[in-house]
Amino acid sequence: MHIAILTLTFSLPGCGSLKEKRQRIGGLHARFGSKPSVAVCESGGRARHDASEWTFVIVGLSKREVESQCSQIEEKLERIVDARVMNVEREFV
């Protein structure tokens, strides 16, 4: 069993309210949390309008599978989220 912790920090320039922030970044739980091998939560920047941090925990039978899922999540986030990815951290447990 292999586990990765993937943390992404987003910048939301021009975002003026928490409601707008949720509209621009929302839906990550529904899109990624429905997979049995992925858990997702907003782990930082909850009270800030212009930034957000999200953490994904990915579990798989091989390190290659987990790395592939991390890459797929990163690529999809860059396409679907109306924010700039400022930082990406991967940690393997």
N, C-alpha and C. Protein backbone atom coordinates (compact mmCIF):
# COMPACT_ATOMS: atom_id res chain seq x y z
N MET A 1 0.85 -1.18 0.00
CA MET A 1 0.00 0.00 0.00
C MET A 1 0.89 1.24 0.00
N HIS A 2 0.59 2.17 -0.89
CA HIS A 2 1.34 3.42 -0.99
C HIS A 2 0.38 4.59 -0.80
N ILE A 3 0.89 5.62 -0.13
CA ILE A 3 0.07 6.79 0.19
C ILE A 3 0.83 8.05 -0.20
N ALA A 4 0.13 8.96 -0.86
CA ALA A 4 0.71 10.27 -1.19
C ALA A 4 -0.19 11.36 -0.62
N ILE A 5 0.45 12.41 -0.17
CA ILE A 5 -0.26 13.61 0.27
C ILE A 5 0.11 14.71 -0.71
N LEU A 6 -0.89 15.19 -1.43
CA LEU A 6 -0.70 16.21 -2.45
C LEU A 6 -1.37 17.49 -1.97
N THR A 7 -0.58 18.56 -1.82
CA THR A 7 -1.11 19.83 -1.34
C THR A 7 -0.86 20.90 -2.39
N LEU A 8 -1.93 21.59 -2.75
CA LEU A 8 -1.85 22.66 -3.75
C LEU A 8 -2.31 23.97 -3.13
N THR A 9 -1.57 25.03 -3.39
CA THR A 9 -1.93 26.36 -2.93
C THR A 9 -2.35 27.18 -4.15
N PHE A 10 -3.51 27.80 -4.03
CA PHE A 10 -4.09 28.58 -5.13
C PHE A 10 -4.12 30.06 -4.77
N SER A 11 -3.91 30.88 -5.79
CA SER A 11 -4.10 32.32 -5.67
C SER A 11 -5.34 32.68 -6.49
N LEU A 12 -6.20 33.50 -5.90
CA LEU A 12 -7.44 33.92 -6.56
C LEU A 12 -7.43 35.43 -6.70
N PRO A 13 -6.65 35.97 -7.64
CA PRO A 13 -6.57 37.42 -7.79
C PRO A 13 -7.93 38.03 -8.12
N GLY A 14 -8.23 39.14 -7.47
CA GLY A 14 -9.47 39.85 -7.72
C GLY A 14 -10.68 39.27 -7.04
N CYS A 15 -10.50 38.25 -6.27
CA CYS A 15 -11.63 37.62 -5.58
C CYS A 15 -12.00 38.49 -4.37
N GLY A 16 -13.26 38.92 -4.32
CA GLY A 16 -13.67 39.88 -3.31
C GLY A 16 -14.50 39.35 -2.16
N SER A 17 -14.91 38.08 -2.23
CA SER A 17 -15.75 37.54 -1.15
C SER A 17 -15.56 36.03 -1.05
N LEU A 18 -15.96 35.48 0.09
CA LEU A 18 -15.89 34.03 0.25
C LEU A 18 -16.86 33.33 -0.68
N LYS A 19 -18.00 33.97 -0.97
CA LYS A 19 -18.96 33.40 -1.90
C LYS A 19 -18.35 33.27 -3.29
N GLU A 20 -17.67 34.31 -3.75
CA GLU A 20 -17.01 34.26 -5.05
C GLU A 20 -15.92 33.20 -5.06
N LYS A 21 -15.20 33.10 -3.96
CA LYS A 21 -14.15 32.10 -3.84
C LYS A 21 -14.72 30.69 -4.01
N ARG A 22 -15.84 30.41 -3.35
CA ARG A 22 -16.48 29.10 -3.46
C ARG A 22 -16.96 28.83 -4.89
N GLN A 23 -17.41 29.87 -5.57
CA GLN A 23 -17.85 29.70 -6.96
C GLN A 23 -16.67 29.38 -7.87
N ARG A 24 -15.54 30.02 -7.61
CA ARG A 24 -14.37 29.83 -8.47
C ARG A 24 -13.63 28.53 -8.20
N ILE A 25 -13.66 28.08 -6.94
CA ILE A 25 -12.89 26.90 -6.57
C ILE A 25 -13.77 25.74 -6.13
N GLY A 26 -15.04 25.96 -5.95
CA GLY A 26 -15.94 24.95 -5.40
C GLY A 26 -16.08 23.69 -6.25
N GLY A 27 -16.63 22.69 -5.64
CA GLY A 27 -16.88 21.44 -6.33
C GLY A 27 -15.76 20.43 -6.30
N LEU A 28 -14.66 20.75 -5.62
CA LEU A 28 -13.54 19.82 -5.59
C LEU A 28 -13.88 18.54 -4.83
N HIS A 29 -14.68 18.68 -3.75
CA HIS A 29 -15.10 17.48 -3.02
C HIS A 29 -15.88 16.54 -3.93
N ALA A 30 -16.82 17.10 -4.67
CA ALA A 30 -17.67 16.28 -5.54
C ALA A 30 -16.86 15.65 -6.68
N ARG A 31 -15.92 16.39 -7.25
CA ARG A 31 -15.17 15.90 -8.39
C ARG A 31 -14.13 14.85 -8.03
N PHE A 32 -13.47 15.04 -6.88
CA PHE A 32 -12.37 14.14 -6.54
C PHE A 32 -12.67 13.23 -5.35
N GLY A 33 -13.51 13.69 -4.43
CA GLY A 33 -13.79 12.92 -3.22
C GLY A 33 -14.66 11.70 -3.44
N SER A 34 -15.26 11.58 -4.62
CA SER A 34 -16.12 10.43 -4.89
C SER A 34 -15.31 9.17 -5.24
N LYS A 35 -14.03 9.34 -5.56
CA LYS A 35 -13.18 8.19 -5.85
C LYS A 35 -12.80 7.51 -4.53
N PRO A 36 -12.87 6.19 -4.48
CA PRO A 36 -12.55 5.50 -3.22
C PRO A 36 -11.08 5.61 -2.81
N SER A 37 -10.21 5.96 -3.74
CA SER A 37 -8.78 6.03 -3.42
C SER A 37 -8.30 7.45 -3.13
N VAL A 38 -9.23 8.43 -3.11
CA VAL A 38 -8.85 9.83 -2.91
C VAL A 38 -9.72 10.47 -1.83
N ALA A 39 -9.06 11.17 -0.91
CA ALA A 39 -9.75 12.00 0.08
C ALA A 39 -9.29 13.44 -0.16
N VAL A 40 -10.19 14.41 0.01
CA VAL A 40 -9.86 15.80 -0.29
C VAL A 40 -10.46 16.72 0.76
N CYS A 41 -9.70 17.78 1.10
CA CYS A 41 -10.23 18.79 2.03
C CYS A 41 -9.54 20.12 1.78
N GLU A 42 -10.24 21.20 2.13
CA GLU A 42 -9.61 22.53 2.11
C GLU A 42 -8.81 22.63 3.39
N SER A 43 -7.50 22.70 3.27
CA SER A 43 -6.63 22.60 4.43
C SER A 43 -6.03 23.93 4.88
N GLY A 44 -6.25 24.99 4.12
CA GLY A 44 -5.70 26.28 4.52
C GLY A 44 -6.34 27.41 3.75
N GLY A 45 -6.21 28.61 4.31
CA GLY A 45 -6.73 29.80 3.65
C GLY A 45 -8.24 29.90 3.64
N ARG A 46 -8.90 29.22 4.55
CA ARG A 46 -10.37 29.20 4.54
C ARG A 46 -11.00 30.58 4.69
N ALA A 47 -10.41 31.43 5.50
CA ALA A 47 -11.00 32.75 5.75
C ALA A 47 -10.52 33.80 4.75
N ARG A 48 -9.54 33.47 3.93
CA ARG A 48 -9.01 34.44 2.96
C ARG A 48 -9.82 34.39 1.68
N HIS A 49 -10.01 35.56 1.07
CA HIS A 49 -10.72 35.64 -0.20
C HIS A 49 -9.81 35.33 -1.38
N ASP A 50 -8.55 35.68 -1.25
CA ASP A 50 -7.63 35.64 -2.39
C ASP A 50 -6.71 34.43 -2.44
N ALA A 51 -6.89 33.46 -1.54
CA ALA A 51 -6.02 32.28 -1.52
C ALA A 51 -6.76 31.09 -0.93
N SER A 52 -6.27 29.90 -1.29
CA SER A 52 -6.85 28.68 -0.77
C SER A 52 -5.82 27.57 -0.88
N GLU A 53 -5.87 26.65 0.06
CA GLU A 53 -4.98 25.49 0.03
C GLU A 53 -5.84 24.24 0.13
N TRP A 54 -5.57 23.28 -0.74
CA TRP A 54 -6.32 22.02 -0.75
C TRP A 54 -5.36 20.85 -0.65
N THR A 55 -5.74 19.86 0.14
CA THR A 55 -4.93 18.67 0.33
C THR A 55 -5.70 17.44 -0.13
N PHE A 56 -5.01 16.60 -0.88
CA PHE A 56 -5.55 15.35 -1.38
C PHE A 56 -4.70 14.22 -0.81
N VAL A 57 -5.34 13.18 -0.33
CA VAL A 57 -4.64 11.98 0.12
C VAL A 57 -5.02 10.88 -0.86
N ILE A 58 -4.00 10.31 -1.48
CA ILE A 58 -4.21 9.31 -2.53
C ILE A 58 -3.61 7.99 -2.07
N VAL A 59 -4.37 6.93 -2.21
CA VAL A 59 -3.94 5.59 -1.79
C VAL A 59 -3.96 4.67 -3.00
N GLY A 60 -2.92 3.84 -3.13
CA GLY A 60 -2.88 2.89 -4.24
C GLY A 60 -2.00 1.71 -3.92
N LEU A 61 -2.07 0.70 -4.75
CA LEU A 61 -1.30 -0.52 -4.53
C LEU A 61 0.16 -0.38 -4.94
N SER A 62 0.45 0.56 -5.86
CA SER A 62 1.84 0.77 -6.27
C SER A 62 2.16 2.26 -6.26
N LYS A 63 3.43 2.56 -6.09
CA LYS A 63 3.85 3.95 -6.10
C LYS A 63 3.58 4.58 -7.47
N ARG A 64 3.75 3.81 -8.51
CA ARG A 64 3.50 4.31 -9.86
C ARG A 64 2.04 4.73 -10.04
N GLU A 65 1.13 3.91 -9.52
CA GLU A 65 -0.30 4.22 -9.60
C GLU A 65 -0.62 5.51 -8.84
N VAL A 66 -0.05 5.66 -7.66
CA VAL A 66 -0.29 6.85 -6.84
C VAL A 66 0.30 8.09 -7.51
N GLU A 67 1.50 7.98 -8.05
CA GLU A 67 2.11 9.11 -8.76
C GLU A 67 1.28 9.51 -9.97
N SER A 68 0.75 8.53 -10.68
CA SER A 68 -0.10 8.81 -11.84
C SER A 68 -1.37 9.55 -11.43
N GLN A 69 -1.99 9.11 -10.35
CA GLN A 69 -3.20 9.79 -9.87
C GLN A 69 -2.89 11.22 -9.43
N CYS A 70 -1.74 11.44 -8.78
CA CYS A 70 -1.34 12.79 -8.38
C CYS A 70 -1.20 13.68 -9.61
N SER A 71 -0.55 13.19 -10.64
CA SER A 71 -0.37 13.96 -11.87
C SER A 71 -1.70 14.28 -12.53
N GLN A 72 -2.60 13.30 -12.55
CA GLN A 72 -3.92 13.51 -13.15
C GLN A 72 -4.70 14.58 -12.39
N ILE A 73 -4.63 14.54 -11.06
CA ILE A 73 -5.32 15.54 -10.24
C ILE A 73 -4.76 16.93 -10.52
N GLU A 74 -3.43 17.05 -10.53
CA GLU A 74 -2.79 18.35 -10.79
C GLU A 74 -3.22 18.90 -12.16
N GLU A 75 -3.17 18.07 -13.17
CA GLU A 75 -3.52 18.51 -14.53
C GLU A 75 -4.98 18.93 -14.60
N LYS A 76 -5.86 18.16 -14.00
CA LYS A 76 -7.28 18.49 -14.03
C LYS A 76 -7.56 19.79 -13.28
N LEU A 77 -6.91 19.98 -12.14
CA LEU A 77 -7.11 21.21 -11.36
C LEU A 77 -6.68 22.44 -12.16
N GLU A 78 -5.58 22.34 -12.86
CA GLU A 78 -5.11 23.48 -13.65
C GLU A 78 -6.10 23.84 -14.75
N ARG A 79 -6.87 22.86 -15.23
CA ARG A 79 -7.86 23.12 -16.28
C ARG A 79 -9.19 23.63 -15.73
N ILE A 80 -9.64 23.11 -14.60
CA ILE A 80 -11.01 23.38 -14.15
C ILE A 80 -11.16 24.50 -13.13
N VAL A 81 -10.11 24.81 -12.40
CA VAL A 81 -10.22 25.80 -11.32
C VAL A 81 -9.88 27.18 -11.86
N ASP A 82 -10.71 28.17 -11.52
CA ASP A 82 -10.49 29.55 -11.93
C ASP A 82 -9.57 30.23 -10.91
N ALA A 83 -8.33 29.74 -10.86
CA ALA A 83 -7.33 30.26 -9.93
C ALA A 83 -5.95 29.86 -10.46
N ARG A 84 -4.92 30.51 -9.92
CA ARG A 84 -3.55 30.17 -10.28
C ARG A 84 -2.98 29.21 -9.26
N VAL A 85 -2.35 28.15 -9.73
CA VAL A 85 -1.66 27.23 -8.82
C VAL A 85 -0.32 27.87 -8.47
N MET A 86 -0.14 28.16 -7.19
CA MET A 86 1.08 28.84 -6.75
C MET A 86 2.14 27.87 -6.24
N ASN A 87 1.69 26.75 -5.67
CA ASN A 87 2.63 25.80 -5.10
C ASN A 87 2.01 24.41 -5.10
N VAL A 88 2.86 23.42 -5.37
CA VAL A 88 2.43 22.02 -5.32
C VAL A 88 3.45 21.25 -4.50
N GLU A 89 2.96 20.50 -3.52
CA GLU A 89 3.84 19.68 -2.69
C GLU A 89 3.33 18.24 -2.72
N ARG A 90 4.25 17.31 -2.91
CA ARG A 90 3.92 15.89 -2.85
C ARG A 90 4.75 15.25 -1.75
N GLU A 91 4.08 14.46 -0.93
CA GLU A 91 4.78 13.73 0.14
C GLU A 91 4.30 12.30 0.08
N PHE A 92 5.26 11.37 0.08
CA PHE A 92 4.91 9.94 0.07
C PHE A 92 5.15 9.37 1.46
N VAL A 93 4.14 8.66 1.93
CA VAL A 93 4.20 8.09 3.28
C VAL A 93 4.47 6.60 3.17
